[in-house]
């Protein structure tokens, strides 16, 4: 079975105390922003999972956004959550196609 390397999360290295505090602040400040982005495409129980996956991916790329200004962070969190939602929909579509094919 072929796996998609992009969808496989990298192992998370322990965050420094400063990075953990920064991540906590960002999560609290931009949670609503991420949720709004996800809800534009998805509803139901998957919303929280997608937000959590977005946060995990942000932690994995912490060096890319550590020095962003507030406007950039707002855009980054919104787009990251939106892109994760799109990926989720693509995965669901593929899984539904595989399931339909297996039952045909």
PDB file of N, CA and C in Angstrom:
ATOM      1  N   UNK A   1       0.845  -1.174   0.000  1.00  0.00           N
ATOM      2  CA  UNK A   1       0.000   0.000   0.000  1.00  0.00           C
ATOM      3  C   UNK A   1       0.894   1.242   0.000  1.00  0.00           C
ATOM      4  N   UNK A   2       0.613   2.145  -0.881  1.00  0.00           N
ATOM      5  CA  UNK A   2       1.407   3.364  -1.008  1.00  0.00           C
ATOM      6  C   UNK A   2       0.922   4.407  -0.008  1.00  0.00           C
ATOM      7  N   UNK A   3       1.851   5.055   0.658  1.00  0.00           N
ATOM      8  CA  UNK A   3       1.465   6.084   1.622  1.00  0.00           C
ATOM      9  C   UNK A   3       1.854   7.440   1.090  1.00  0.00           C
ATOM     10  N   UNK A   4       1.122   8.435   1.485  1.00  0.00           N
ATOM     11  CA  UNK A   4       1.393   9.815   1.112  1.00  0.00           C
ATOM     12  C   UNK A   4       2.280  10.419   2.186  1.00  0.00           C
ATOM     13  N   UNK A   5       3.514  10.766   1.817  1.00  0.00           N
ATOM     14  CA  UNK A   5       4.461  11.286   2.801  1.00  0.00           C
ATOM     15  C   UNK A   5       3.985  12.594   3.410  1.00  0.00           C
ATOM     16  N   UNK A   6       3.237  13.404   2.647  1.00  0.00           N
ATOM     17  CA  UNK A   6       2.773  14.681   3.163  1.00  0.00           C
ATOM     18  C   UNK A   6       1.761  14.513   4.273  1.00  0.00           C
ATOM     19  N   UNK A   7       0.992  13.434   4.241  1.00  0.00           N
ATOM     20  CA  UNK A   7      -0.038  13.261   5.258  1.00  0.00           C
ATOM     21  C   UNK A   7       0.495  12.578   6.518  1.00  0.00           C
ATOM     22  N   UNK A   8       1.695  12.035   6.447  1.00  0.00           N
ATOM     23  CA  UNK A   8       2.270  11.368   7.603  1.00  0.00           C
ATOM     24  C   UNK A   8       2.977  12.412   8.467  1.00  0.00           C
ATOM     25  N   UNK A   9       2.496  12.672   9.671  1.00  0.00           N
ATOM     26  CA  UNK A   9       3.147  13.670  10.512  1.00  0.00           C
ATOM     27  C   UNK A   9       4.538  13.226  10.929  1.00  0.00           C
ATOM     28  N   UNK A  10       5.437  14.192  10.959  1.00  0.00           N
ATOM     29  CA  UNK A  10       6.791  13.928  11.441  1.00  0.00           C
ATOM     30  C   UNK A  10       6.731  13.808  12.961  1.00  0.00           C
ATOM     31  N   UNK A  11       7.636  13.013  13.524  1.00  0.00           N
ATOM     32  CA  UNK A  11       7.684  12.974  14.996  1.00  0.00           C
ATOM     33  C   UNK A  11       7.973  14.366  15.543  1.00  0.00           C
ATOM     34  N   UNK A  12       7.336  14.688  16.629  1.00  0.00           N
ATOM     35  CA  UNK A  12       7.505  16.004  17.230  1.00  0.00           C
ATOM     36  C   UNK A  12       8.639  15.962  18.234  1.00  0.00           C
ATOM     37  N   UNK A  13       9.586  16.875  18.051  1.00  0.00           N
ATOM     38  CA  UNK A  13      10.652  17.008  19.023  1.00  0.00           C
ATOM     39  C   UNK A  13      10.100  17.803  20.201  1.00  0.00           C
ATOM     40  N   UNK A  14      10.627  17.564  21.377  1.00  0.00           N
ATOM     41  CA  UNK A  14      10.150  18.332  22.525  1.00  0.00           C
ATOM     42  C   UNK A  14      10.346  19.834  22.293  1.00  0.00           C
ATOM     43  N   UNK A  15       9.327  20.595  22.630  1.00  0.00           N
ATOM     44  CA  UNK A  15       9.420  22.046  22.490  1.00  0.00           C
ATOM     45  C   UNK A  15      10.188  22.631  23.668  1.00  0.00           C
ATOM     46  N   UNK A  16      10.903  23.694  23.386  1.00  0.00           N
ATOM     47  CA  UNK A  16      11.526  24.416  24.486  1.00  0.00           C
ATOM     48  C   UNK A  16      10.413  25.047  25.311  1.00  0.00           C
ATOM     49  N   UNK A  17      10.730  25.468  26.500  1.00  0.00           N
ATOM     50  CA  UNK A  17       9.728  26.110  27.359  1.00  0.00           C
ATOM     51  C   UNK A  17       9.151  27.353  26.682  1.00  0.00           C
ATOM     52  N   UNK A  18      10.015  28.144  26.034  1.00  0.00           N
ATOM     53  CA  UNK A  18       9.559  29.353  25.340  1.00  0.00           C
ATOM     54  C   UNK A  18       8.628  29.009  24.183  1.00  0.00           C
ATOM     55  N   UNK A  19       8.991  27.981  23.400  1.00  0.00           N
ATOM     56  CA  UNK A  19       8.147  27.580  22.275  1.00  0.00           C
ATOM     57  C   UNK A  19       6.819  27.000  22.749  1.00  0.00           C
ATOM     58  N   UNK A  20       6.840  26.251  23.830  1.00  0.00           N
ATOM     59  CA  UNK A  20       5.604  25.691  24.370  1.00  0.00           C
ATOM     60  C   UNK A  20       4.676  26.815  24.838  1.00  0.00           C
ATOM     61  N   UNK A  21       5.240  27.814  25.483  1.00  0.00           N
ATOM     62  CA  UNK A  21       4.442  28.963  25.926  1.00  0.00           C
ATOM     63  C   UNK A  21       3.898  29.734  24.731  1.00  0.00           C
ATOM     64  N   UNK A  22       4.742  29.945  23.715  1.00  0.00           N
ATOM     65  CA  UNK A  22       4.304  30.627  22.503  1.00  0.00           C
ATOM     66  C   UNK A  22       3.186  29.853  21.819  1.00  0.00           C
ATOM     67  N   UNK A  23       3.335  28.540  21.720  1.00  0.00           N
ATOM     68  CA  UNK A  23       2.314  27.709  21.078  1.00  0.00           C
ATOM     69  C   UNK A  23       1.002  27.785  21.843  1.00  0.00           C
ATOM     70  N   UNK A  24       1.070  27.779  23.147  1.00  0.00           N
ATOM     71  CA  UNK A  24      -0.129  27.888  23.972  1.00  0.00           C
ATOM     72  C   UNK A  24      -0.827  29.228  23.743  1.00  0.00           C
ATOM     73  N   UNK A  25      -0.055  30.293  23.692  1.00  0.00           N
ATOM     74  CA  UNK A  25      -0.631  31.623  23.447  1.00  0.00           C
ATOM     75  C   UNK A  25      -1.263  31.711  22.067  1.00  0.00           C
ATOM     76  N   UNK A  26      -0.581  31.153  21.080  1.00  0.00           N
ATOM     77  CA  UNK A  26      -1.108  31.189  19.710  1.00  0.00           C
ATOM     78  C   UNK A  26      -2.394  30.373  19.625  1.00  0.00           C
ATOM     79  N   UNK A  27      -2.406  29.206  20.257  1.00  0.00           N
ATOM     80  CA  UNK A  27      -3.596  28.366  20.237  1.00  0.00           C
ATOM     81  C   UNK A  27      -4.778  29.108  20.857  1.00  0.00           C
ATOM     82  N   UNK A  28      -4.561  29.725  21.997  1.00  0.00           N
ATOM     83  CA  UNK A  28      -5.641  30.441  22.671  1.00  0.00           C
ATOM     84  C   UNK A  28      -6.114  31.645  21.858  1.00  0.00           C
ATOM     85  N   UNK A  29      -5.177  32.351  21.272  1.00  0.00           N
ATOM     86  CA  UNK A  29      -5.520  33.571  20.545  1.00  0.00           C
ATOM     87  C   UNK A  29      -6.177  33.282  19.196  1.00  0.00           C
ATOM     88  N   UNK A  30      -5.733  32.239  18.497  1.00  0.00           N
ATOM     89  CA  UNK A  30      -6.186  31.995  17.127  1.00  0.00           C
ATOM     90  C   UNK A  30      -7.090  30.777  16.977  1.00  0.00           C
ATOM     91  N   UNK A  31      -7.496  30.181  18.087  1.00  0.00           N
ATOM     92  CA  UNK A  31      -8.399  29.028  18.011  1.00  0.00           C
ATOM     93  C   UNK A  31      -9.662  29.382  17.225  1.00  0.00           C
ATOM     94  N   UNK A  32     -10.283  30.495  17.541  1.00  0.00           N
ATOM     95  CA  UNK A  32     -11.512  30.901  16.851  1.00  0.00           C
ATOM     96  C   UNK A  32     -11.283  31.124  15.369  1.00  0.00           C
ATOM     97  N   UNK A  33     -10.147  31.671  15.022  1.00  0.00           N
ATOM     98  CA  UNK A  33      -9.781  31.894  13.635  1.00  0.00           C
ATOM     99  C   UNK A  33      -9.661  30.559  12.887  1.00  0.00           C
ATOM    100  N   UNK A  34      -8.993  29.594  13.513  1.00  0.00           N
ATOM    101  CA  UNK A  34      -8.846  28.279  12.886  1.00  0.00           C
ATOM    102  C   UNK A  34     -10.195  27.577  12.772  1.00  0.00           C
ATOM    103  N   UNK A  35     -11.009  27.693  13.807  1.00  0.00           N
ATOM    104  CA  UNK A  35     -12.316  27.040  13.778  1.00  0.00           C
ATOM    105  C   UNK A  35     -13.193  27.639  12.683  1.00  0.00           C
ATOM    106  N   UNK A  36     -13.145  28.949  12.524  1.00  0.00           N
ATOM    107  CA  UNK A  36     -13.910  29.608  11.469  1.00  0.00           C
ATOM    108  C   UNK A  36     -13.483  29.082  10.100  1.00  0.00           C
ATOM    109  N   UNK A  37     -12.183  28.917   9.902  1.00  0.00           N
ATOM    110  CA  UNK A  37     -11.672  28.415   8.631  1.00  0.00           C
ATOM    111  C   UNK A  37     -12.170  26.998   8.353  1.00  0.00           C
ATOM    112  N   UNK A  38     -12.139  26.154   9.366  1.00  0.00           N
ATOM    113  CA  UNK A  38     -12.579  24.764   9.201  1.00  0.00           C
ATOM    114  C   UNK A  38     -14.081  24.712   8.941  1.00  0.00           C
ATOM    115  N   UNK A  39     -14.846  25.500   9.685  1.00  0.00           N
ATOM    116  CA  UNK A  39     -16.307  25.464   9.551  1.00  0.00           C
ATOM    117  C   UNK A  39     -16.801  25.974   8.197  1.00  0.00           C
ATOM    118  N   UNK A  40     -15.965  26.693   7.456  1.00  0.00           N
ATOM    119  CA  UNK A  40     -16.383  27.110   6.116  1.00  0.00           C
ATOM    120  C   UNK A  40     -16.467  25.921   5.165  1.00  0.00           C
ATOM    121  N   UNK A  41     -15.796  24.816   5.519  1.00  0.00           N
ATOM    122  CA  UNK A  41     -15.766  23.648   4.640  1.00  0.00           C
ATOM    123  C   UNK A  41     -16.325  22.373   5.260  1.00  0.00           C
ATOM    124  N   UNK A  42     -16.293  22.278   6.582  1.00  0.00           N
ATOM    125  CA  UNK A  42     -16.618  21.018   7.258  1.00  0.00           C
ATOM    126  C   UNK A  42     -17.473  21.305   8.481  1.00  0.00           C
ATOM    127  N   UNK A  43     -18.386  20.379   8.766  1.00  0.00           N
ATOM    128  CA  UNK A  43     -19.145  20.463  10.007  1.00  0.00           C
ATOM    129  C   UNK A  43     -19.111  19.083  10.663  1.00  0.00           C
ATOM    130  N   UNK A  44     -19.493  19.050  11.914  1.00  0.00           N
ATOM    131  CA  UNK A  44     -19.551  17.774  12.602  1.00  0.00           C
ATOM    132  C   UNK A  44     -18.351  17.519  13.492  1.00  0.00           C
ATOM    133  N   UNK A  45     -18.195  16.270  13.878  1.00  0.00           N
ATOM    134  CA  UNK A  45     -17.173  15.930  14.875  1.00  0.00           C
ATOM    135  C   UNK A  45     -15.734  16.058  14.374  1.00  0.00           C
ATOM    136  N   UNK A  46     -15.539  16.133  13.071  1.00  0.00           N
ATOM    137  CA  UNK A  46     -14.182  16.227  12.533  1.00  0.00           C
ATOM    138  C   UNK A  46     -13.563  17.607  12.722  1.00  0.00           C
ATOM    139  N   UNK A  47     -14.359  18.604  13.036  1.00  0.00           N
ATOM    140  CA  UNK A  47     -13.857  19.980  13.146  1.00  0.00           C
ATOM    141  C   UNK A  47     -12.737  20.072  14.178  1.00  0.00           C
ATOM    142  N   UNK A  48     -12.954  19.571  15.365  1.00  0.00           N
ATOM    143  CA  UNK A  48     -11.949  19.652  16.422  1.00  0.00           C
ATOM    144  C   UNK A  48     -10.697  18.848  16.065  1.00  0.00           C
ATOM    145  N   UNK A  49     -10.886  17.694  15.427  1.00  0.00           N
ATOM    146  CA  UNK A  49      -9.730  16.895  15.014  1.00  0.00           C
ATOM    147  C   UNK A  49      -8.867  17.649  14.011  1.00  0.00           C
ATOM    148  N   UNK A  50      -9.501  18.355  13.093  1.00  0.00           N
ATOM    149  CA  UNK A  50      -8.759  19.111  12.085  1.00  0.00           C
ATOM    150  C   UNK A  50      -8.016  20.267  12.736  1.00  0.00           C
ATOM    151  N   UNK A  51      -8.643  20.922  13.691  1.00  0.00           N
ATOM    152  CA  UNK A  51      -7.965  22.014  14.396  1.00  0.00           C
ATOM    153  C   UNK A  51      -6.751  21.467  15.142  1.00  0.00           C
ATOM    154  N   UNK A  52      -6.904  20.346  15.827  1.00  0.00           N
ATOM    155  CA  UNK A  52      -5.788  19.752  16.555  1.00  0.00           C
ATOM    156  C   UNK A  52      -4.667  19.336  15.594  1.00  0.00           C
ATOM    157  N   UNK A  53      -5.027  18.774  14.444  1.00  0.00           N
ATOM    158  CA  UNK A  53      -4.035  18.395  13.447  1.00  0.00           C
ATOM    159  C   UNK A  53      -3.299  19.634  12.931  1.00  0.00           C
ATOM    160  N   UNK A  54      -4.027  20.726  12.773  1.00  0.00           N
ATOM    161  CA  UNK A  54      -3.404  21.981  12.341  1.00  0.00           C
ATOM    162  C   UNK A  54      -2.364  22.433  13.354  1.00  0.00           C
ATOM    163  N   UNK A  55      -2.698  22.356  14.621  1.00  0.00           N
ATOM    164  CA  UNK A  55      -1.770  22.766  15.683  1.00  0.00           C
ATOM    165  C   UNK A  55      -0.534  21.868  15.679  1.00  0.00           C
ATOM    166  N   UNK A  56      -0.728  20.569  15.518  1.00  0.00           N
ATOM    167  CA  UNK A  56       0.412  19.649  15.469  1.00  0.00           C
ATOM    168  C   UNK A  56       1.322  20.013  14.304  1.00  0.00           C
ATOM    169  N   UNK A  57       0.740  20.292  13.164  1.00  0.00           N
ATOM    170  CA  UNK A  57       1.546  20.666  11.992  1.00  0.00           C
ATOM    171  C   UNK A  57       2.249  22.003  12.214  1.00  0.00           C
ATOM    172  N   UNK A  58       1.613  22.905  12.925  1.00  0.00           N
ATOM    173  CA  UNK A  58       2.266  24.176  13.243  1.00  0.00           C
ATOM    174  C   UNK A  58       3.469  23.952  14.152  1.00  0.00           C
ATOM    175  N   UNK A  59       3.328  23.051  15.105  1.00  0.00           N
ATOM    176  CA  UNK A  59       4.444  22.743  15.998  1.00  0.00           C
ATOM    177  C   UNK A  59       5.604  22.174  15.192  1.00  0.00           C
ATOM    178  N   UNK A  60       5.290  21.318  14.218  1.00  0.00           N
ATOM    179  CA  UNK A  60       6.334  20.712  13.403  1.00  0.00           C
ATOM    180  C   UNK A  60       7.081  21.752  12.565  1.00  0.00           C
ATOM    181  N   UNK A  61       6.422  22.857  12.260  1.00  0.00           N
ATOM    182  CA  UNK A  61       7.029  23.904  11.425  1.00  0.00           C
ATOM    183  C   UNK A  61       7.260  25.186  12.222  1.00  0.00           C
ATOM    184  N   UNK A  62       7.504  25.045  13.504  1.00  0.00           N
ATOM    185  CA  UNK A  62       7.574  26.214  14.390  1.00  0.00           C
ATOM    186  C   UNK A  62       8.625  27.233  13.940  1.00  0.00           C
ATOM    187  N   UNK A  63       9.706  26.772  13.360  1.00  0.00           N
ATOM    188  CA  UNK A  63      10.757  27.695  12.921  1.00  0.00           C
ATOM    189  C   UNK A  63      10.298  28.593  11.770  1.00  0.00           C
ATOM    190  N   UNK A  64       9.283  28.163  11.029  1.00  0.00           N
ATOM    191  CA  UNK A  64       8.803  28.936   9.882  1.00  0.00           C
ATOM    192  C   UNK A  64       7.937  30.123  10.279  1.00  0.00           C
ATOM    193  N   UNK A  65       7.353  30.095  11.446  1.00  0.00           N
ATOM    194  CA  UNK A  65       6.392  31.149  11.792  1.00  0.00           C
ATOM    195  C   UNK A  65       6.663  31.829  13.120  1.00  0.00           C
ATOM    196  N   UNK A  66       7.729  31.479  13.768  1.00  0.00           N
ATOM    197  CA  UNK A  66       8.025  32.026  15.091  1.00  0.00           C
ATOM    198  C   UNK A  66       8.088  33.561  15.099  1.00  0.00           C
ATOM    199  N   UNK A  67       8.589  34.159  14.030  1.00  0.00           N
ATOM    200  CA  UNK A  67       8.790  35.609  14.007  1.00  0.00           C
ATOM    201  C   UNK A  67       7.730  36.361  13.194  1.00  0.00           C
ATOM    202  N   UNK A  68       6.597  35.730  12.924  1.00  0.00           N
ATOM    203  CA  UNK A  68       5.553  36.402  12.156  1.00  0.00           C
ATOM    204  C   UNK A  68       4.872  37.484  12.984  1.00  0.00           C
ATOM    205  N   UNK A  69       4.469  38.561  12.305  1.00  0.00           N
ATOM    206  CA  UNK A  69       3.703  39.597  12.997  1.00  0.00           C
ATOM    207  C   UNK A  69       2.268  39.109  13.173  1.00  0.00           C
ATOM    208  N   UNK A  70       1.459  39.875  13.882  1.00  0.00           N
ATOM    209  CA  UNK A  70       0.096  39.442  14.198  1.00  0.00           C
ATOM    210  C   UNK A  70      -0.757  39.213  12.946  1.00  0.00           C
ATOM    211  N   UNK A  71      -0.676  40.115  11.970  1.00  0.00           N
ATOM    212  CA  UNK A  71      -1.454  39.941  10.737  1.00  0.00           C
ATOM    213  C   UNK A  71      -1.034  38.689   9.979  1.00  0.00           C
ATOM    214  N   UNK A  72       0.265  38.449   9.936  1.00  0.00           N
ATOM    215  CA  UNK A  72       0.760  37.254   9.258  1.00  0.00           C
ATOM    216  C   UNK A  72       0.318  35.989   9.991  1.00  0.00           C
ATOM    217  N   UNK A  73       0.342  36.022  11.316  1.00  0.00           N
ATOM    218  CA  UNK A  73      -0.067  34.863  12.097  1.00  0.00           C
ATOM    219  C   UNK A  73      -1.553  34.576  11.910  1.00  0.00           C
ATOM    220  N   UNK A  74      -2.354  35.634  11.838  1.00  0.00           N
ATOM    221  CA  UNK A  74      -3.784  35.458  11.602  1.00  0.00           C
ATOM    222  C   UNK A  74      -4.001  34.747  10.266  1.00  0.00           C
ATOM    223  N   UNK A  75      -3.308  35.222   9.233  1.00  0.00           N
ATOM    224  CA  UNK A  75      -3.429  34.602   7.910  1.00  0.00           C
ATOM    225  C   UNK A  75      -2.891  33.181   7.916  1.00  0.00           C
ATOM    226  N   UNK A  76      -1.758  32.984   8.570  1.00  0.00           N
ATOM    227  CA  UNK A  76      -1.128  31.670   8.613  1.00  0.00           C
ATOM    228  C   UNK A  76      -2.047  30.639   9.272  1.00  0.00           C
ATOM    229  N   UNK A  77      -2.592  30.978  10.427  1.00  0.00           N
ATOM    230  CA  UNK A  77      -3.443  30.011  11.131  1.00  0.00           C
ATOM    231  C   UNK A  77      -4.714  29.727  10.347  1.00  0.00           C
ATOM    232  N   UNK A  78      -5.295  30.758   9.743  1.00  0.00           N
ATOM    233  CA  UNK A  78      -6.517  30.565   8.956  1.00  0.00           C
ATOM    234  C   UNK A  78      -6.234  29.656   7.766  1.00  0.00           C
ATOM    235  N   UNK A  79      -5.185  29.975   7.020  1.00  0.00           N
ATOM    236  CA  UNK A  79      -4.864  29.192   5.829  1.00  0.00           C
ATOM    237  C   UNK A  79      -4.410  27.779   6.162  1.00  0.00           C
ATOM    238  N   UNK A  80      -3.683  27.617   7.244  1.00  0.00           N
ATOM    239  CA  UNK A  80      -3.257  26.272   7.656  1.00  0.00           C
ATOM    240  C   UNK A  80      -4.478  25.407   7.986  1.00  0.00           C
ATOM    241  N   UNK A  81      -5.431  25.962   8.714  1.00  0.00           N
ATOM    242  CA  UNK A  81      -6.644  25.215   9.061  1.00  0.00           C
ATOM    243  C   UNK A  81      -7.490  24.945   7.815  1.00  0.00           C
ATOM    244  N   UNK A  82      -7.580  25.913   6.943  1.00  0.00           N
ATOM    245  CA  UNK A  82      -8.344  25.734   5.697  1.00  0.00           C
ATOM    246  C   UNK A  82      -7.707  24.645   4.841  1.00  0.00           C
ATOM    247  N   UNK A  83      -6.391  24.693   4.678  1.00  0.00           N
ATOM    248  CA  UNK A  83      -5.702  23.681   3.878  1.00  0.00           C
ATOM    249  C   UNK A  83      -5.840  22.294   4.497  1.00  0.00           C
ATOM    250  N   UNK A  84      -5.789  22.192   5.809  1.00  0.00           N
ATOM    251  CA  UNK A  84      -6.009  20.898   6.467  1.00  0.00           C
ATOM    252  C   UNK A  84      -7.426  20.402   6.217  1.00  0.00           C
ATOM    253  N   UNK A  85      -8.386  21.314   6.186  1.00  0.00           N
ATOM    254  CA  UNK A  85      -9.771  20.936   5.895  1.00  0.00           C
ATOM    255  C   UNK A  85      -9.897  20.390   4.476  1.00  0.00           C
ATOM    256  N   UNK A  86      -9.256  21.060   3.545  1.00  0.00           N
ATOM    257  CA  UNK A  86      -9.278  20.599   2.148  1.00  0.00           C
ATOM    258  C   UNK A  86      -8.634  19.221   2.038  1.00  0.00           C
ATOM    259  N   UNK A  87      -7.502  19.031   2.690  1.00  0.00           N
ATOM    260  CA  UNK A  87      -6.853  17.717   2.677  1.00  0.00           C
ATOM    261  C   UNK A  87      -7.756  16.648   3.290  1.00  0.00           C
ATOM    262  N   UNK A  88      -8.450  17.005   4.348  1.00  0.00           N
ATOM    263  CA  UNK A  88      -9.390  16.068   4.987  1.00  0.00           C
ATOM    264  C   UNK A  88     -10.491  15.667   4.006  1.00  0.00           C
ATOM    265  N   UNK A  89     -11.042  16.648   3.296  1.00  0.00           N
ATOM    266  CA  UNK A  89     -12.097  16.359   2.314  1.00  0.00           C
ATOM    267  C   UNK A  89     -11.570  15.471   1.189  1.00  0.00           C
ATOM    268  N   UNK A  90     -10.361  15.725   0.738  1.00  0.00           N
ATOM    269  CA  UNK A  90      -9.764  14.889  -0.313  1.00  0.00           C
ATOM    270  C   UNK A  90      -9.586  13.454   0.173  1.00  0.00           C
ATOM    271  N   UNK A  91      -9.112  13.302   1.389  1.00  0.00           N
ATOM    272  CA  UNK A  91      -8.916  11.970   1.946  1.00  0.00           C
ATOM    273  C   UNK A  91     -10.248  11.244   2.069  1.00  0.00           C
ATOM    274  N   UNK A  92     -11.276  11.949   2.533  1.00  0.00           N
ATOM    275  CA  UNK A  92     -12.598  11.337   2.666  1.00  0.00           C
ATOM    276  C   UNK A  92     -13.146  10.913   1.302  1.00  0.00           C
ATOM    277  N   UNK A  93     -12.930  11.751   0.304  1.00  0.00           N
ATOM    278  CA  UNK A  93     -13.405  11.435  -1.053  1.00  0.00           C
ATOM    279  C   UNK A  93     -12.707  10.177  -1.573  1.00  0.00           C
ATOM    280  N   UNK A  94     -11.400  10.083  -1.351  1.00  0.00           N
ATOM    281  CA  UNK A  94     -10.657   8.899  -1.773  1.00  0.00           C
ATOM    282  C   UNK A  94     -11.155   7.667  -1.035  1.00  0.00           C
ATOM    283  N   UNK A  95     -11.354   7.794   0.280  1.00  0.00           N
ATOM    284  CA  UNK A  95     -11.818   6.656   1.074  1.00  0.00           C
ATOM    285  C   UNK A  95     -13.209   6.215   0.640  1.00  0.00           C
ATOM    286  N   UNK A  96     -14.088   7.165   0.326  1.00  0.00           N
ATOM    287  CA  UNK A  96     -15.427   6.819  -0.140  1.00  0.00           C
ATOM    288  C   UNK A  96     -15.354   6.114  -1.486  1.00  0.00           C
ATOM    289  N   UNK A  97     -14.435   6.537  -2.350  1.00  0.00           N
ATOM    290  CA  UNK A  97     -14.254   5.886  -3.644  1.00  0.00           C
ATOM    291  C   UNK A  97     -13.737   4.474  -3.500  1.00  0.00           C
ATOM    292  N   UNK A  98     -12.799   4.275  -2.585  1.00  0.00           N
ATOM    293  CA  UNK A  98     -12.254   2.941  -2.339  1.00  0.00           C
ATOM    294  C   UNK A  98     -13.330   2.031  -1.765  1.00  0.00           C
ATOM    295  N   UNK A  99     -14.097   2.544  -0.825  1.00  0.00           N
ATOM    296  CA  UNK A  99     -15.171   1.748  -0.217  1.00  0.00           C
ATOM    297  C   UNK A  99     -16.215   1.362  -1.255  1.00  0.00           C
ATOM    298  N   UNK A 100     -16.596   2.313  -2.104  1.00  0.00           N
ATOM    299  CA  UNK A 100     -17.577   2.005  -3.162  1.00  0.00           C
ATOM    300  C   UNK A 100     -17.029   0.969  -4.122  1.00  0.00           C
ATOM    301  N   UNK A 101     -15.750   1.069  -4.467  1.00  0.00           N
ATOM    302  CA  UNK A 101     -15.130   0.126  -5.383  1.00  0.00           C
ATOM    303  C   UNK A 101     -15.086  -1.272  -4.761  1.00  0.00           C
ATOM    304  N   UNK A 102     -14.796  -1.345  -3.470  1.00  0.00           N
ATOM    305  CA  UNK A 102     -14.692  -2.643  -2.800  1.00  0.00           C
ATOM    306  C   UNK A 102     -16.057  -3.321  -2.691  1.00  0.00           C
ATOM    307  N   UNK A 103     -17.138  -2.541  -2.632  1.00  0.00           N
ATOM    308  CA  UNK A 103     -18.464  -3.114  -2.480  1.00  0.00           C
ATOM    309  C   UNK A 103     -19.163  -3.319  -3.821  1.00  0.00           C
ATOM    310  N   UNK A 104     -18.539  -2.947  -4.896  1.00  0.00           N
ATOM    311  CA  UNK A 104     -19.166  -3.097  -6.222  1.00  0.00           C
ATOM    312  C   UNK A 104     -19.088  -4.507  -6.714  1.00  0.00           C
TER     313      UNK A 104
END
